[in-house]
Amino acid sequence: MNTALNLEASWQPLCNAADLVAGSGVVALLDGQQVALFYLPQTEQQVFAIGNCDPKSGANVIGRGILGHLQGELVIASPLYKQHYRLRDGSCLEYPDQQLPVWPARLNGEQVEIFR
């Protein structure tokens, strides 16, 4: 008899909504990986989840980056080398070979949930 685990993706709680700071980043752990969360209440998506490790330096600093708009996109600028990553897909505007992981995120009552 062959039994396989059902590993379907689903919404999972990551942190409390009260942990978020509007217009800024905070960092949470997801199975040992640091995830930068950005709360932008004026946007449709509101919460963005992106990898916290800067691929250029290897430092966990993206959550302390500078939010902005560039080329019509919501971006986070690394606080070290100032390269810009799109919040929607993690791609770097200046260096196409650099990419940050992203996860769908949402507010669900008092919880921040991440889809994985």
PDB file of N, CA and C in Angstrom:
ATOM      1  N   MET A   1       0.844  -1.183   0.000  1.00  0.00           N
ATOM      2  CA  MET A   1       0.000   0.000   0.000  1.00  0.00           C
ATOM      3  C   MET A   1       0.884   1.238   0.000  1.00  0.00           C
ATOM      4  N   ASN A   2       0.651   2.130  -0.907  1.00  0.00           N
ATOM      5  CA  ASN A   2       1.443   3.351  -1.027  1.00  0.00           C
ATOM      6  C   ASN A   2       0.670   4.506  -0.402  1.00  0.00           C
ATOM      7  N   THR A   3       1.220   5.083   0.663  1.00  0.00           N
ATOM      8  CA  THR A   3       0.576   6.240   1.297  1.00  0.00           C
ATOM      9  C   THR A   3       1.444   7.459   1.088  1.00  0.00           C
ATOM     10  N   ALA A   4       0.892   8.474   0.505  1.00  0.00           N
ATOM     11  CA  ALA A   4       1.622   9.722   0.257  1.00  0.00           C
ATOM     12  C   ALA A   4       1.049  10.811   1.151  1.00  0.00           C
ATOM     13  N   LEU A   5       1.922  11.670   1.613  1.00  0.00           N
ATOM     14  CA  LEU A   5       1.474  12.811   2.407  1.00  0.00           C
ATOM     15  C   LEU A   5       0.797  13.831   1.511  1.00  0.00           C
ATOM     16  N   ASN A   6      -0.259  14.419   2.000  1.00  0.00           N
ATOM     17  CA  ASN A   6      -0.941  15.477   1.271  1.00  0.00           C
ATOM     18  C   ASN A   6      -0.267  16.796   1.641  1.00  0.00           C
ATOM     19  N   LEU A   7       0.505  17.343   0.730  1.00  0.00           N
ATOM     20  CA  LEU A   7       1.273  18.558   0.999  1.00  0.00           C
ATOM     21  C   LEU A   7       0.709  19.755   0.246  1.00  0.00           C
ATOM     22  N   GLU A   8      -0.595  19.894   0.248  1.00  0.00           N
ATOM     23  CA  GLU A   8      -1.215  21.018  -0.438  1.00  0.00           C
ATOM     24  C   GLU A   8      -0.904  22.318   0.282  1.00  0.00           C
ATOM     25  N   ALA A   9      -0.719  23.367  -0.494  1.00  0.00           N
ATOM     26  CA  ALA A   9      -0.481  24.689   0.085  1.00  0.00           C
ATOM     27  C   ALA A   9      -1.769  25.207   0.712  1.00  0.00           C
ATOM     28  N   SER A  10      -1.605  26.012   1.758  1.00  0.00           N
ATOM     29  CA  SER A  10      -2.770  26.586   2.432  1.00  0.00           C
ATOM     30  C   SER A  10      -2.353  27.856   3.173  1.00  0.00           C
ATOM     31  N   TRP A  11      -3.347  28.617   3.622  1.00  0.00           N
ATOM     32  CA  TRP A  11      -3.093  29.805   4.427  1.00  0.00           C
ATOM     33  C   TRP A  11      -2.728  29.366   5.845  1.00  0.00           C
ATOM     34  N   GLN A  12      -1.607  29.905   6.349  1.00  0.00           N
ATOM     35  CA  GLN A  12      -1.134  29.553   7.687  1.00  0.00           C
ATOM     36  C   GLN A  12      -0.827  30.816   8.468  1.00  0.00           C
ATOM     37  N   PRO A  13      -1.155  30.844   9.769  1.00  0.00           N
ATOM     38  CA  PRO A  13      -0.844  32.032  10.574  1.00  0.00           C
ATOM     39  C   PRO A  13       0.665  32.217  10.715  1.00  0.00           C
ATOM     40  N   LEU A  14       1.105  33.475  10.632  1.00  0.00           N
ATOM     41  CA  LEU A  14       2.530  33.787  10.763  1.00  0.00           C
ATOM     42  C   LEU A  14       2.803  34.657  11.983  1.00  0.00           C
ATOM     43  N   CYS A  15       1.948  35.669  12.205  1.00  0.00           N
ATOM     44  CA  CYS A  15       2.117  36.542  13.368  1.00  0.00           C
ATOM     45  C   CYS A  15       0.796  37.268  13.625  1.00  0.00           C
ATOM     46  N   ASN A  16       0.775  38.072  14.651  1.00  0.00           N
ATOM     47  CA  ASN A  16      -0.411  38.870  14.970  1.00  0.00           C
ATOM     48  C   ASN A  16      -0.430  40.146  14.139  1.00  0.00           C
ATOM     49  N   ALA A  17      -1.599  40.567  13.738  1.00  0.00           N
ATOM     50  CA  ALA A  17      -1.730  41.820  12.993  1.00  0.00           C
ATOM     51  C   ALA A  17      -1.190  42.996  13.802  1.00  0.00           C
ATOM     52  N   ALA A  18      -1.306  42.934  15.122  1.00  0.00           N
ATOM     53  CA  ALA A  18      -0.808  44.011  15.988  1.00  0.00           C
ATOM     54  C   ALA A  18       0.708  44.147  15.926  1.00  0.00           C
ATOM     55  N   ASP A  19       1.412  43.128  15.410  1.00  0.00           N
ATOM     56  CA  ASP A  19       2.871  43.192  15.278  1.00  0.00           C
ATOM     57  C   ASP A  19       3.307  44.064  14.105  1.00  0.00           C
ATOM     58  N   LEU A  20       2.403  44.328  13.173  1.00  0.00           N
ATOM     59  CA  LEU A  20       2.740  45.112  11.981  1.00  0.00           C
ATOM     60  C   LEU A  20       2.799  46.596  12.302  1.00  0.00           C
ATOM     61  N   VAL A  21       3.626  47.306  11.531  1.00  0.00           N
ATOM     62  CA  VAL A  21       3.746  48.760  11.645  1.00  0.00           C
ATOM     63  C   VAL A  21       3.418  49.339  10.272  1.00  0.00           C
ATOM     64  N   ALA A  22       2.397  50.184  10.198  1.00  0.00           N
ATOM     65  CA  ALA A  22       1.978  50.753   8.912  1.00  0.00           C
ATOM     66  C   ALA A  22       3.124  51.512   8.253  1.00  0.00           C
ATOM     67  N   GLY A  23       3.342  51.236   6.969  1.00  0.00           N
ATOM     68  CA  GLY A  23       4.363  51.927   6.197  1.00  0.00           C
ATOM     69  C   GLY A  23       5.779  51.517   6.531  1.00  0.00           C
ATOM     70  N   SER A  24       5.936  50.373   7.166  1.00  0.00           N
ATOM     71  CA  SER A  24       7.264  49.940   7.602  1.00  0.00           C
ATOM     72  C   SER A  24       7.340  48.420   7.557  1.00  0.00           C
ATOM     73  N   GLY A  25       8.532  47.899   7.834  1.00  0.00           N
ATOM     74  CA  GLY A  25       8.737  46.464   7.818  1.00  0.00           C
ATOM     75  C   GLY A  25       8.977  45.881   9.194  1.00  0.00           C
ATOM     76  N   VAL A  26       8.566  44.644   9.368  1.00  0.00           N
ATOM     77  CA  VAL A  26       8.894  43.830  10.539  1.00  0.00           C
ATOM     78  C   VAL A  26       9.334  42.472   9.993  1.00  0.00           C
ATOM     79  N   VAL A  27       9.982  41.691  10.825  1.00  0.00           N
ATOM     80  CA  VAL A  27      10.484  40.395  10.377  1.00  0.00           C
ATOM     81  C   VAL A  27       9.895  39.291  11.243  1.00  0.00           C
ATOM     82  N   ALA A  28       9.482  38.202  10.597  1.00  0.00           N
ATOM     83  CA  ALA A  28       8.958  37.024  11.284  1.00  0.00           C
ATOM     84  C   ALA A  28       9.719  35.799  10.781  1.00  0.00           C
ATOM     85  N   LEU A  29       9.693  34.744  11.576  1.00  0.00           N
ATOM     86  CA  LEU A  29      10.333  33.490  11.175  1.00  0.00           C
ATOM     87  C   LEU A  29       9.309  32.533  10.588  1.00  0.00           C
ATOM     88  N   LEU A  30       9.661  31.950   9.461  1.00  0.00           N
ATOM     89  CA  LEU A  30       8.841  30.957   8.786  1.00  0.00           C
ATOM     90  C   LEU A  30       9.705  29.714   8.615  1.00  0.00           C
ATOM     91  N   ASP A  31       9.515  28.736   9.472  1.00  0.00           N
ATOM     92  CA  ASP A  31      10.335  27.517   9.444  1.00  0.00           C
ATOM     93  C   ASP A  31      11.828  27.842   9.418  1.00  0.00           C
ATOM     94  N   GLY A  32      12.248  28.775  10.251  1.00  0.00           N
ATOM     95  CA  GLY A  32      13.656  29.142  10.361  1.00  0.00           C
ATOM     96  C   GLY A  32      14.139  30.158   9.342  1.00  0.00           C
ATOM     97  N   GLN A  33      13.316  30.517   8.378  1.00  0.00           N
ATOM     98  CA  GLN A  33      13.682  31.511   7.365  1.00  0.00           C
ATOM     99  C   GLN A  33      13.072  32.855   7.740  1.00  0.00           C
ATOM    100  N   GLN A  34      13.872  33.918   7.636  1.00  0.00           N
ATOM    101  CA  GLN A  34      13.371  35.248   7.956  1.00  0.00           C
ATOM    102  C   GLN A  34      12.543  35.798   6.795  1.00  0.00           C
ATOM    103  N   VAL A  35      11.345  36.279   7.138  1.00  0.00           N
ATOM    104  CA  VAL A  35      10.427  36.860   6.159  1.00  0.00           C
ATOM    105  C   VAL A  35      10.146  38.298   6.570  1.00  0.00           C
ATOM    106  N   ALA A  36      10.401  39.243   5.672  1.00  0.00           N
ATOM    107  CA  ALA A  36      10.090  40.650   5.925  1.00  0.00           C
ATOM    108  C   ALA A  36       8.630  40.889   5.548  1.00  0.00           C
ATOM    109  N   LEU A  37       7.889  41.490   6.469  1.00  0.00           N
ATOM    110  CA  LEU A  37       6.478  41.804   6.246  1.00  0.00           C
ATOM    111  C   LEU A  37       6.310  43.313   6.176  1.00  0.00           C
ATOM    112  N   PHE A  38       5.666  43.782   5.129  1.00  0.00           N
ATOM    113  CA  PHE A  38       5.415  45.210   4.964  1.00  0.00           C
ATOM    114  C   PHE A  38       3.909  45.433   4.956  1.00  0.00           C
ATOM    115  N   TYR A  39       3.471  46.328   5.824  1.00  0.00           N
ATOM    116  CA  TYR A  39       2.048  46.636   5.971  1.00  0.00           C
ATOM    117  C   TYR A  39       1.772  47.983   5.325  1.00  0.00           C
ATOM    118  N   LEU A  40       1.054  47.935   4.221  1.00  0.00           N
ATOM    119  CA  LEU A  40       0.688  49.134   3.466  1.00  0.00           C
ATOM    120  C   LEU A  40      -0.833  49.190   3.399  1.00  0.00           C
ATOM    121  N   PRO A  41      -1.475  49.723   4.452  1.00  0.00           N
ATOM    122  CA  PRO A  41      -2.938  49.663   4.544  1.00  0.00           C
ATOM    123  C   PRO A  41      -3.667  50.398   3.429  1.00  0.00           C
ATOM    124  N   GLN A  42      -3.005  51.331   2.743  1.00  0.00           N
ATOM    125  CA  GLN A  42      -3.652  52.092   1.675  1.00  0.00           C
ATOM    126  C   GLN A  42      -3.680  51.329   0.351  1.00  0.00           C
ATOM    127  N   THR A  43      -3.044  50.151   0.286  1.00  0.00           N
ATOM    128  CA  THR A  43      -3.036  49.360  -0.944  1.00  0.00           C
ATOM    129  C   THR A  43      -4.075  48.250  -0.863  1.00  0.00           C
ATOM    130  N   GLU A  44      -4.434  47.710  -2.017  1.00  0.00           N
ATOM    131  CA  GLU A  44      -5.427  46.631  -2.052  1.00  0.00           C
ATOM    132  C   GLU A  44      -4.926  45.390  -1.311  1.00  0.00           C
ATOM    133  N   GLN A  45      -3.671  45.022  -1.513  1.00  0.00           N
ATOM    134  CA  GLN A  45      -3.129  43.808  -0.889  1.00  0.00           C
ATOM    135  C   GLN A  45      -2.847  43.993   0.603  1.00  0.00           C
ATOM    136  N   GLN A  46      -2.471  45.138   1.031  1.00  0.00           N
ATOM    137  CA  GLN A  46      -2.197  45.535   2.414  1.00  0.00           C
ATOM    138  C   GLN A  46      -0.929  44.937   3.010  1.00  0.00           C
ATOM    139  N   VAL A  47      -0.733  43.624   2.926  1.00  0.00           N
ATOM    140  CA  VAL A  47       0.436  42.988   3.536  1.00  0.00           C
ATOM    141  C   VAL A  47       1.252  42.280   2.458  1.00  0.00           C
ATOM    142  N   PHE A  48       2.563  42.533   2.466  1.00  0.00           N
ATOM    143  CA  PHE A  48       3.480  41.914   1.520  1.00  0.00           C
ATOM    144  C   PHE A  48       4.511  41.120   2.309  1.00  0.00           C
ATOM    145  N   ALA A  49       4.804  39.905   1.861  1.00  0.00           N
ATOM    146  CA  ALA A  49       5.794  39.048   2.510  1.00  0.00           C
ATOM    147  C   ALA A  49       6.904  38.746   1.512  1.00  0.00           C
ATOM    148  N   ILE A  50       8.138  39.077   1.876  1.00  0.00           N
ATOM    149  CA  ILE A  50       9.282  38.952   0.982  1.00  0.00           C
ATOM    150  C   ILE A  50      10.488  38.497   1.802  1.00  0.00           C
ATOM    151  N   GLY A  51      11.398  37.777   1.188  1.00  0.00           N
ATOM    152  CA  GLY A  51      12.579  37.293   1.896  1.00  0.00           C
ATOM    153  C   GLY A  51      13.377  38.431   2.512  1.00  0.00           C
ATOM    154  N   ASN A  52      13.906  38.209   3.694  1.00  0.00           N
ATOM    155  CA  ASN A  52      14.638  39.249   4.424  1.00  0.00           C
ATOM    156  C   ASN A  52      16.125  39.285   4.087  1.00  0.00           C
ATOM    157  N   CYS A  53      16.644  38.272   3.412  1.00  0.00           N
ATOM    158  CA  CYS A  53      18.083  38.199   3.133  1.00  0.00           C
ATOM    159  C   CYS A  53      18.423  38.920   1.831  1.00  0.00           C
ATOM    160  N   ASP A  54      19.253  39.953   1.932  1.00  0.00           N
ATOM    161  CA  ASP A  54      19.732  40.705   0.769  1.00  0.00           C
ATOM    162  C   ASP A  54      20.670  39.800  -0.035  1.00  0.00           C
ATOM    163  N   PRO A  55      20.320  39.465  -1.285  1.00  0.00           N
ATOM    164  CA  PRO A  55      21.164  38.551  -2.054  1.00  0.00           C
ATOM    165  C   PRO A  55      22.551  39.106  -2.377  1.00  0.00           C
ATOM    166  N   LYS A  56      22.699  40.419  -2.425  1.00  0.00           N
ATOM    167  CA  LYS A  56      24.002  41.010  -2.754  1.00  0.00           C
ATOM    168  C   LYS A  56      24.977  40.905  -1.588  1.00  0.00           C
ATOM    169  N   SER A  57      24.496  41.134  -0.365  1.00  0.00           N
ATOM    170  CA  SER A  57      25.390  41.125   0.801  1.00  0.00           C
ATOM    171  C   SER A  57      25.272  39.862   1.645  1.00  0.00           C
ATOM    172  N   GLY A  58      24.148  39.158   1.538  1.00  0.00           N
ATOM    173  CA  GLY A  58      23.906  37.999   2.388  1.00  0.00           C
ATOM    174  C   GLY A  58      23.404  38.364   3.775  1.00  0.00           C
ATOM    175  N   ALA A  59      23.191  39.653   4.029  1.00  0.00           N
ATOM    176  CA  ALA A  59      22.732  40.118   5.346  1.00  0.00           C
ATOM    177  C   ALA A  59      21.204  40.126   5.405  1.00  0.00           C
ATOM    178  N   ASN A  60      20.665  39.821   6.564  1.00  0.00           N
ATOM    179  CA  ASN A  60      19.214  39.842   6.784  1.00  0.00           C
ATOM    180  C   ASN A  60      18.770  41.256   7.139  1.00  0.00           C
ATOM    181  N   VAL A  61      18.529  42.074   6.103  1.00  0.00           N
ATOM    182  CA  VAL A  61      18.265  43.501   6.317  1.00  0.00           C
ATOM    183  C   VAL A  61      17.077  44.057   5.535  1.00  0.00           C
ATOM    184  N   ILE A  62      16.454  43.282   4.685  1.00  0.00           N
ATOM    185  CA  ILE A  62      15.403  43.818   3.810  1.00  0.00           C
ATOM    186  C   ILE A  62      14.255  44.413   4.621  1.00  0.00           C
ATOM    187  N   GLY A  63      13.940  43.841   5.764  1.00  0.00           N
ATOM    188  CA  GLY A  63      12.869  44.360   6.616  1.00  0.00           C
ATOM    189  C   GLY A  63      13.128  45.760   7.130  1.00  0.00           C
ATOM    190  N   ARG A  64      14.366  46.216   7.038  1.00  0.00           N
ATOM    191  CA  ARG A  64      14.725  47.574   7.451  1.00  0.00           C
ATOM    192  C   ARG A  64      14.924  48.500   6.246  1.00  0.00           C
ATOM    193  N   GLY A  65      14.500  48.019   5.079  1.00  0.00           N
ATOM    194  CA  GLY A  65      14.670  48.796   3.861  1.00  0.00           C
ATOM    195  C   GLY A  65      13.704  49.961   3.757  1.00  0.00           C
ATOM    196  N   ILE A  66      13.852  50.705   2.673  1.00  0.00           N
ATOM    197  CA  ILE A  66      13.063  51.909   2.432  1.00  0.00           C
ATOM    198  C   ILE A  66      11.997  51.594   1.385  1.00  0.00           C
ATOM    199  N   LEU A  67      10.735  51.795   1.751  1.00  0.00           N
ATOM    200  CA  LEU A  67       9.626  51.572   0.829  1.00  0.00           C
ATOM    201  C   LEU A  67       9.488  52.742  -0.133  1.00  0.00           C
ATOM    202  N   GLY A  68       9.064  52.444  -1.357  1.00  0.00           N
ATOM    203  CA  GLY A  68       8.844  53.517  -2.309  1.00  0.00           C
ATOM    204  C   GLY A  68       8.164  53.020  -3.572  1.00  0.00           C
ATOM    205  N   HIS A  69       8.048  53.920  -4.532  1.00  0.00           N
ATOM    206  CA  HIS A  69       7.518  53.619  -5.858  1.00  0.00           C
ATOM    207  C   HIS A  69       8.632  53.898  -6.857  1.00  0.00           C
ATOM    208  N   LEU A  70       8.838  52.982  -7.779  1.00  0.00           N
ATOM    209  CA  LEU A  70       9.846  53.162  -8.820  1.00  0.00           C
ATOM    210  C   LEU A  70       9.346  52.457 -10.072  1.00  0.00           C
ATOM    211  N   GLN A  71       9.380  53.142 -11.186  1.00  0.00           N
ATOM    212  CA  GLN A  71       8.921  52.590 -12.461  1.00  0.00           C
ATOM    213  C   GLN A  71       7.499  52.027 -12.351  1.00  0.00           C
ATOM    214  N   GLY A  72       6.650  52.718 -11.579  1.00  0.00           N
ATOM    215  CA  GLY A  72       5.263  52.309 -11.429  1.00  0.00           C
ATOM    216  C   GLY A  72       5.043  51.112 -10.522  1.00  0.00           C
ATOM    217  N   GLU A  73       6.053  50.724  -9.778  1.00  0.00           N
ATOM    218  CA  GLU A  73       5.975  49.543  -8.914  1.00  0.00           C
ATOM    219  C   GLU A  73       6.209  49.918  -7.459  1.00  0.00           C
ATOM    220  N   LEU A  74       5.552  49.203  -6.543  1.00  0.00           N
ATOM    221  CA  LEU A  74       5.890  49.290  -5.126  1.00  0.00           C
ATOM    222  C   LEU A  74       7.182  48.517  -4.925  1.00  0.00           C
ATOM    223  N   VAL A  75       8.167  49.147  -4.297  1.00  0.00           N
ATOM    224  CA  VAL A  75       9.476  48.514  -4.122  1.00  0.00           C
ATOM    225  C   VAL A  75       9.974  48.689  -2.695  1.00  0.00           C
ATOM    226  N   ILE A  76      10.932  47.836  -2.358  1.00  0.00           N
ATOM    227  CA  ILE A  76      11.699  47.982  -1.129  1.00  0.00           C
ATOM    228  C   ILE A  76      13.158  48.118  -1.550  1.00  0.00           C
ATOM    229  N   ALA A  77      13.832  49.142  -1.020  1.00  0.00           N
ATOM    230  CA  ALA A  77      15.251  49.344  -1.314  1.00  0.00           C
ATOM    231  C   ALA A  77      16.075  48.734  -0.195  1.00  0.00           C
ATOM    232  N   SER A  78      17.052  47.933  -0.564  1.00  0.00           N
ATOM    233  CA  SER A  78      17.942  47.365   0.441  1.00  0.00           C
ATOM    234  C   SER A  78      18.646  48.499   1.177  1.00  0.00           C
ATOM    235  N   PRO A  79      18.728  48.427   2.510  1.00  0.00           N
ATOM    236  CA  PRO A  79      19.404  49.498   3.239  1.00  0.00           C
ATOM    237  C   PRO A  79      20.921  49.493   3.045  1.00  0.00           C
ATOM    238  N   LEU A  80      21.478  48.439   2.458  1.00  0.00           N
ATOM    239  CA  LEU A  80      22.930  48.383   2.275  1.00  0.00           C
ATOM    240  C   LEU A  80      23.368  48.964   0.936  1.00  0.00           C
ATOM    241  N   TYR A  81      22.953  48.332  -0.157  1.00  0.00           N
ATOM    242  CA  TYR A  81      23.410  48.768  -1.477  1.00  0.00           C
ATOM    243  C   TYR A  81      22.335  49.485  -2.283  1.00  0.00           C
ATOM    244  N   LYS A  82      21.166  49.643  -1.707  1.00  0.00           N
ATOM    245  CA  LYS A  82      20.056  50.424  -2.282  1.00  0.00           C
ATOM    246  C   LYS A  82      19.455  49.841  -3.552  1.00  0.00           C
ATOM    247  N   GLN A  83      19.701  48.576  -3.851  1.00  0.00           N
ATOM    248  CA  GLN A  83      19.011  47.983  -4.989  1.00  0.00           C
ATOM    249  C   GLN A  83      17.538  47.816  -4.632  1.00  0.00           C
ATOM    250  N   HIS A  84      16.671  47.918  -5.641  1.00  0.00           N
ATOM    251  CA  HIS A  84      15.221  47.936  -5.440  1.00  0.00           C
ATOM    252  C   HIS A  84      14.594  46.607  -5.855  1.00  0.00           C
ATOM    253  N   TYR A  85      13.748  46.072  -4.974  1.00  0.00           N
ATOM    254  CA  TYR A  85      13.037  44.827  -5.231  1.00  0.00           C
ATOM    255  C   TYR A  85      11.544  45.101  -5.278  1.00  0.00           C
ATOM    256  N   ARG A  86      10.883  44.559  -6.303  1.00  0.00           N
ATOM    257  CA  ARG A  86       9.429  44.704  -6.396  1.00  0.00           C
ATOM    258  C   ARG A  86       8.763  43.874  -5.310  1.00  0.00           C
ATOM    259  N   LEU A  87       7.826  44.497  -4.596  1.00  0.00           N
ATOM    260  CA  LEU A  87       7.119  43.767  -3.549  1.00  0.00           C
ATOM    261  C   LEU A  87       6.238  42.662  -4.123  1.00  0.00           C
ATOM    262  N   ARG A  88       5.723  42.853  -5.318  1.00  0.00           N
ATOM    263  CA  ARG A  88       4.779  41.881  -5.876  1.00  0.00           C
ATOM    264  C   ARG A  88       5.437  40.573  -6.302  1.00  0.00           C
ATOM    265  N   ASP A  89       6.712  40.625  -6.739  1.00  0.00           N
ATOM    266  CA  ASP A  89       7.336  39.385  -7.226  1.00  0.00           C
ATOM    267  C   ASP A  89       8.788  39.189  -6.787  1.00  0.00           C
ATOM    268  N   GLY A  90       9.361  40.129  -6.037  1.00  0.00           N
ATOM    269  CA  GLY A  90      10.718  39.976  -5.512  1.00  0.00           C
ATOM    270  C   GLY A  90      11.834  40.230  -6.499  1.00  0.00           C
ATOM    271  N   SER A  91      11.514  40.606  -7.737  1.00  0.00           N
ATOM    272  CA  SER A  91      12.574  40.823  -8.722  1.00  0.00           C
ATOM    273  C   SER A  91      13.280  42.151  -8.476  1.00  0.00           C
ATOM    274  N   CYS A  92      14.578  42.163  -8.778  1.00  0.00           N
ATOM    275  CA  CYS A  92      15.401  43.356  -8.585  1.00  0.00           C
ATOM    276  C   CYS A  92      15.376  44.193  -9.862  1.00  0.00           C
ATOM    277  N   LEU A  93      15.111  45.486  -9.714  1.00  0.00           N
ATOM    278  CA  LEU A  93      15.036  46.359 -10.893  1.00  0.00           C
ATOM    279  C   LEU A  93      16.404  46.627 -11.501  1.00  0.00           C
ATOM    280  N   GLU A  94      17.433  46.723 -10.678  1.00  0.00           N
ATOM    281  CA  GLU A  94      18.769  47.043 -11.189  1.00  0.00           C
ATOM    282  C   GLU A  94      19.557  45.815 -11.646  1.00  0.00           C
ATOM    283  N   TYR A  95      19.341  44.686 -10.999  1.00  0.00           N
ATOM    284  CA  TYR A  95      20.109  43.468 -11.281  1.00  0.00           C
ATOM    285  C   TYR A  95      19.138  42.307 -11.513  1.00  0.00           C
ATOM    286  N   PRO A  96      18.792  42.024 -12.762  1.00  0.00           N
ATOM    287  CA  PRO A  96      17.803  40.984 -13.048  1.00  0.00           C
ATOM    288  C   PRO A  96      18.171  39.597 -12.507  1.00  0.00           C
ATOM    289  N   ASP A  97      19.441  39.363 -12.229  1.00  0.00           N
ATOM    290  CA  ASP A  97      19.848  38.057 -11.703  1.00  0.00           C
ATOM    291  C   ASP A  97      19.588  37.928 -10.202  1.00  0.00           C
ATOM    292  N   GLN A  98      19.197  39.020  -9.538  1.00  0.00           N
ATOM    293  CA  GLN A  98      18.896  38.974  -8.107  1.00  0.00           C
ATOM    294  C   GLN A  98      17.388  38.869  -7.905  1.00  0.00           C
ATOM    295  N   GLN A  99      16.999  38.013  -6.982  1.00  0.00           N
ATOM    296  CA  GLN A  99      15.581  37.759  -6.742  1.00  0.00           C
ATOM    297  C   GLN A  99      15.378  37.458  -5.263  1.00  0.00           C
ATOM    298  N   LEU A 100      14.318  37.986  -4.698  1.00  0.00           N
ATOM    299  CA  LEU A 100      13.916  37.648  -3.335  1.00  0.00           C
ATOM    300  C   LEU A 100      12.683  36.756  -3.399  1.00  0.00           C
ATOM    301  N   PRO A 101      12.582  35.762  -2.517  1.00  0.00           N
ATOM    302  CA  PRO A 101      11.349  34.969  -2.490  1.00  0.00           C
ATOM    303  C   PRO A 101      10.190  35.817  -1.975  1.00  0.00           C
ATOM    304  N   VAL A 102       9.010  35.555  -2.468  1.00  0.00           N
ATOM    305  CA  VAL A 102       7.797  36.235  -1.997  1.00  0.00           C
ATOM    306  C   VAL A 102       6.736  35.182  -1.691  1.00  0.00           C
ATOM    307  N   TRP A 103       5.837  35.534  -0.802  1.00  0.00           N
ATOM    308  CA  TRP A 103       4.716  34.678  -0.432  1.00  0.00           C
ATOM    309  C   TRP A 103       3.449  35.526  -0.438  1.00  0.00           C
ATOM    310  N   PRO A 104       2.337  34.974  -0.901  1.00  0.00           N
ATOM    311  CA  PRO A 104       1.071  35.687  -0.717  1.00  0.00           C
ATOM    312  C   PRO A 104       0.807  35.841   0.783  1.00  0.00           C
ATOM    313  N   ALA A 105       0.359  37.014   1.183  1.00  0.00           N
ATOM    314  CA  ALA A 105       0.069  37.280   2.597  1.00  0.00           C
ATOM    315  C   ALA A 105      -1.245  38.041   2.684  1.00  0.00           C
ATOM    316  N   ARG A 106      -1.900  37.901   3.833  1.00  0.00           N
ATOM    317  CA  ARG A 106      -3.170  38.604   4.033  1.00  0.00           C
ATOM    318  C   ARG A 106      -3.425  38.796   5.525  1.00  0.00           C
ATOM    319  N   LEU A 107      -4.301  39.752   5.803  1.00  0.00           N
ATOM    320  CA  LEU A 107      -4.830  39.923   7.152  1.00  0.00           C
ATOM    321  C   LEU A 107      -6.105  39.103   7.244  1.00  0.00           C
ATOM    322  N   ASN A 108      -6.219  38.339   8.308  1.00  0.00           N
ATOM    323  CA  ASN A 108      -7.426  37.553   8.548  1.00  0.00           C
ATOM    324  C   ASN A 108      -7.789  37.750  10.012  1.00  0.00           C
ATOM    325  N   GLY A 109      -8.661  38.715  10.254  1.00  0.00           N
ATOM    326  CA  GLY A 109      -8.981  39.073  11.637  1.00  0.00           C
ATOM    327  C   GLY A 109      -7.758  39.661  12.318  1.00  0.00           C
ATOM    328  N   GLU A 110      -7.347  39.070  13.400  1.00  0.00           N
ATOM    329  CA  GLU A 110      -6.191  39.558  14.165  1.00  0.00           C
ATOM    330  C   GLU A 110      -4.896  38.856  13.775  1.00  0.00           C
ATOM    331  N   GLN A 111      -4.924  38.051  12.713  1.00  0.00           N
ATOM    332  CA  GLN A 111      -3.755  37.289  12.288  1.00  0.00           C
ATOM    333  C   GLN A 111      -3.244  37.750  10.928  1.00  0.00           C
ATOM    334  N   VAL A 112      -1.920  37.656  10.762  1.00  0.00           N
ATOM    335  CA  VAL A 112      -1.309  37.763   9.442  1.00  0.00           C
ATOM    336  C   VAL A 112      -1.102  36.328   8.981  1.00  0.00           C
ATOM    337  N   GLU A 113      -1.613  36.021   7.804  1.00  0.00           N
ATOM    338  CA  GLU A 113      -1.470  34.674   7.265  1.00  0.00           C
ATOM    339  C   GLU A 113      -0.623  34.709   6.006  1.00  0.00           C
ATOM    340  N   ILE A 114       0.075  33.612   5.786  1.00  0.00           N
ATOM    341  CA  ILE A 114       0.932  33.474   4.619  1.00  0.00           C
ATOM    342  C   ILE A 114       0.516  32.197   3.896  1.00  0.00           C
ATOM    343  N   PHE A 115       0.536  32.241   2.580  1.00  0.00           N
ATOM    344  CA  PHE A 115       0.124  31.083   1.784  1.00  0.00           C
ATOM    345  C   PHE A 115       1.359  30.315   1.367  1.00  0.00           C
ATOM    346  N   ARG A 116       1.392  29.066   1.788  1.00  0.00           N
ATOM    347  CA  ARG A 116       2.514  28.209   1.388  1.00  0.00           C
ATOM    348  C   ARG A 116       2.103  26.768   1.425  1.00  0.00           C
TER     349      ARG A 116
END
